[in-house]
């Protein structure tokens, strides 16, 4: 147990300030770490969303190209049959 004489002394005040500063420093470091992690996660999520949009766009363009080529092939097969049977 702390003696009453020691609580009011300058040594105790210095000790108290030292302990408080350590806790404040830890609190500051934890806040900086949380902010840094938040920024990193936010940046990562934005990049992933952009990559996902690009992949969807590429697959959509591939589907359109496939539909156009398939349609032209079908027309090329049907057109001679229709023209030569008439």
C-alpha atoms as a PDB file:
ATOM      1  CA  UNK A   1       0.000   0.000   0.000  1.00  0.00           C
ATOM      2  CA  UNK A   2       1.244   3.493  -0.839  1.00  0.00           C
ATOM      3  CA  UNK A   3       2.029   5.693   2.126  1.00  0.00           C
ATOM      4  CA  UNK A   4       0.245   9.028   2.334  1.00  0.00           C
ATOM      5  CA  UNK A   5       3.562  10.887   2.575  1.00  0.00           C
ATOM      6  CA  UNK A   6       4.705   9.476  -0.749  1.00  0.00           C
ATOM      7  CA  UNK A   7       1.478  10.348  -2.649  1.00  0.00           C
ATOM      8  CA  UNK A   8       2.043  14.089  -2.367  1.00  0.00           C
ATOM      9  CA  UNK A   9       5.746  14.112  -3.189  1.00  0.00           C
ATOM     10  CA  UNK A  10       7.347  15.274  -6.376  1.00  0.00           C
ATOM     11  CA  UNK A  11       8.691  11.768  -7.077  1.00  0.00           C
ATOM     12  CA  UNK A  12       5.157  10.397  -7.110  1.00  0.00           C
ATOM     13  CA  UNK A  13       3.971  13.185  -9.415  1.00  0.00           C
ATOM     14  CA  UNK A  14       6.830  12.431 -11.815  1.00  0.00           C
ATOM     15  CA  UNK A  15       6.004   8.726 -11.667  1.00  0.00           C
ATOM     16  CA  UNK A  16       2.335   9.476 -12.331  1.00  0.00           C
ATOM     17  CA  UNK A  17       3.198  11.690 -15.316  1.00  0.00           C
ATOM     18  CA  UNK A  18       5.528   9.006 -16.654  1.00  0.00           C
ATOM     19  CA  UNK A  19       2.841   6.318 -16.409  1.00  0.00           C
ATOM     20  CA  UNK A  20       0.209   8.621 -17.928  1.00  0.00           C
ATOM     21  CA  UNK A  21       2.503   9.497 -20.818  1.00  0.00           C
ATOM     22  CA  UNK A  22       3.125   5.801 -21.509  1.00  0.00           C
ATOM     23  CA  UNK A  23      -0.611   5.110 -21.633  1.00  0.00           C
ATOM     24  CA  UNK A  24      -1.203   8.157 -23.817  1.00  0.00           C
ATOM     25  CA  UNK A  25       1.564   6.987 -26.136  1.00  0.00           C
ATOM     26  CA  UNK A  26       0.010   3.509 -26.350  1.00  0.00           C
ATOM     27  CA  UNK A  27      -3.393   5.040 -27.036  1.00  0.00           C
ATOM     28  CA  UNK A  28      -1.935   7.217 -29.788  1.00  0.00           C
ATOM     29  CA  UNK A  29      -0.137   4.259 -31.385  1.00  0.00           C
ATOM     30  CA  UNK A  30      -3.297   2.141 -31.319  1.00  0.00           C
ATOM     31  CA  UNK A  31      -5.320   4.943 -32.949  1.00  0.00           C
ATOM     32  CA  UNK A  32      -2.661   5.387 -35.650  1.00  0.00           C
ATOM     33  CA  UNK A  33      -2.637   1.635 -36.268  1.00  0.00           C
ATOM     34  CA  UNK A  34      -6.421   1.518 -36.540  1.00  0.00           C
ATOM     35  CA  UNK A  35      -6.435   4.473 -38.941  1.00  0.00           C
ATOM     36  CA  UNK A  36      -3.676   2.899 -41.026  1.00  0.00           C
ATOM     37  CA  UNK A  37      -5.492  -0.452 -41.147  1.00  0.00           C
ATOM     38  CA  UNK A  38      -8.725   1.297 -42.135  1.00  0.00           C
ATOM     39  CA  UNK A  39      -6.998   3.127 -44.988  1.00  0.00           C
ATOM     40  CA  UNK A  40      -5.305  -0.065 -46.208  1.00  0.00           C
ATOM     41  CA  UNK A  41      -8.551  -2.032 -46.105  1.00  0.00           C
ATOM     42  CA  UNK A  42     -10.437   0.762 -47.835  1.00  0.00           C
ATOM     43  CA  UNK A  43      -7.808   0.937 -50.588  1.00  0.00           C
ATOM     44  CA  UNK A  44      -7.808  -2.865 -50.994  1.00  0.00           C
ATOM     45  CA  UNK A  45     -11.599  -3.026 -51.253  1.00  0.00           C
ATOM     46  CA  UNK A  46     -11.661  -0.253 -53.850  1.00  0.00           C
ATOM     47  CA  UNK A  47      -9.013  -2.045 -55.937  1.00  0.00           C
ATOM     48  CA  UNK A  48     -10.890  -5.337 -55.711  1.00  0.00           C
ATOM     49  CA  UNK A  49     -14.137  -3.650 -56.777  1.00  0.00           C
ATOM     50  CA  UNK A  50     -12.373  -2.056 -59.750  1.00  0.00           C
ATOM     51  CA  UNK A  51     -10.842  -5.392 -60.779  1.00  0.00           C
ATOM     52  CA  UNK A  52     -14.248  -7.069 -60.462  1.00  0.00           C
ATOM     53  CA  UNK A  53     -15.840  -4.420 -62.708  1.00  0.00           C
ATOM     54  CA  UNK A  54     -13.067  -4.874 -65.282  1.00  0.00           C
ATOM     55  CA  UNK A  55     -13.539  -8.654 -65.293  1.00  0.00           C
ATOM     56  CA  UNK A  56     -17.298  -8.282 -65.747  1.00  0.00           C
ATOM     57  CA  UNK A  57     -16.747  -5.849 -68.611  1.00  0.00           C
ATOM     58  CA  UNK A  58     -14.272  -8.221 -70.306  1.00  0.00           C
ATOM     59  CA  UNK A  59     -16.635 -11.190 -70.001  1.00  0.00           C
ATOM     60  CA  UNK A  60     -19.517  -9.065 -71.328  1.00  0.00           C
ATOM     61  CA  UNK A  61     -17.428  -7.989 -74.338  1.00  0.00           C
ATOM     62  CA  UNK A  62     -16.427 -11.616 -74.980  1.00  0.00           C
ATOM     63  CA  UNK A  63     -20.092 -12.656 -74.930  1.00  0.00           C
ATOM     64  CA  UNK A  64     -21.019  -9.903 -77.387  1.00  0.00           C
ATOM     65  CA  UNK A  65     -18.184 -10.913 -79.733  1.00  0.00           C
ATOM     66  CA  UNK A  66     -19.284 -14.558 -79.515  1.00  0.00           C
ATOM     67  CA  UNK A  67     -22.902 -13.643 -80.292  1.00  0.00           C
ATOM     68  CA  UNK A  68     -21.893 -11.535 -83.306  1.00  0.00           C
ATOM     69  CA  UNK A  69     -19.608 -14.223 -84.746  1.00  0.00           C
ATOM     70  CA  UNK A  70     -22.181 -16.953 -84.137  1.00  0.00           C
ATOM     71  CA  UNK A  71     -24.946 -14.905 -85.751  1.00  0.00           C
ATOM     72  CA  UNK A  72     -22.811 -14.201 -88.817  1.00  0.00           C
ATOM     73  CA  UNK A  73     -21.916 -17.893 -89.099  1.00  0.00           C
ATOM     74  CA  UNK A  74     -25.556 -18.945 -88.925  1.00  0.00           C
ATOM     75  CA  UNK A  75     -26.513 -16.350 -91.530  1.00  0.00           C
ATOM     76  CA  UNK A  76     -23.653 -17.528 -93.750  1.00  0.00           C
ATOM     77  CA  UNK A  77     -24.942 -21.108 -93.500  1.00  0.00           C
ATOM     78  CA  UNK A  78     -28.618 -20.288 -94.032  1.00  0.00           C
ATOM     79  CA  UNK A  79     -28.259 -17.664 -96.776  1.00  0.00           C
ATOM     80  CA  UNK A  80     -26.905 -20.011 -99.500  1.00  0.00           C
ATOM     81  CA  UNK A  81     -29.562 -22.583 -98.693  1.00  0.00           C
ATOM     82  CA  UNK A  82     -32.325 -19.995 -98.986  1.00  0.00           C
ATOM     83  CA  UNK A  83     -30.906 -18.395-102.141  1.00  0.00           C
ATOM     84  CA  UNK A  84     -30.308 -21.672-104.012  1.00  0.00           C
ATOM     85  CA  UNK A  85     -33.667 -23.201-103.130  1.00  0.00           C
ATOM     86  CA  UNK A  86     -35.663 -20.290-104.519  1.00  0.00           C
END
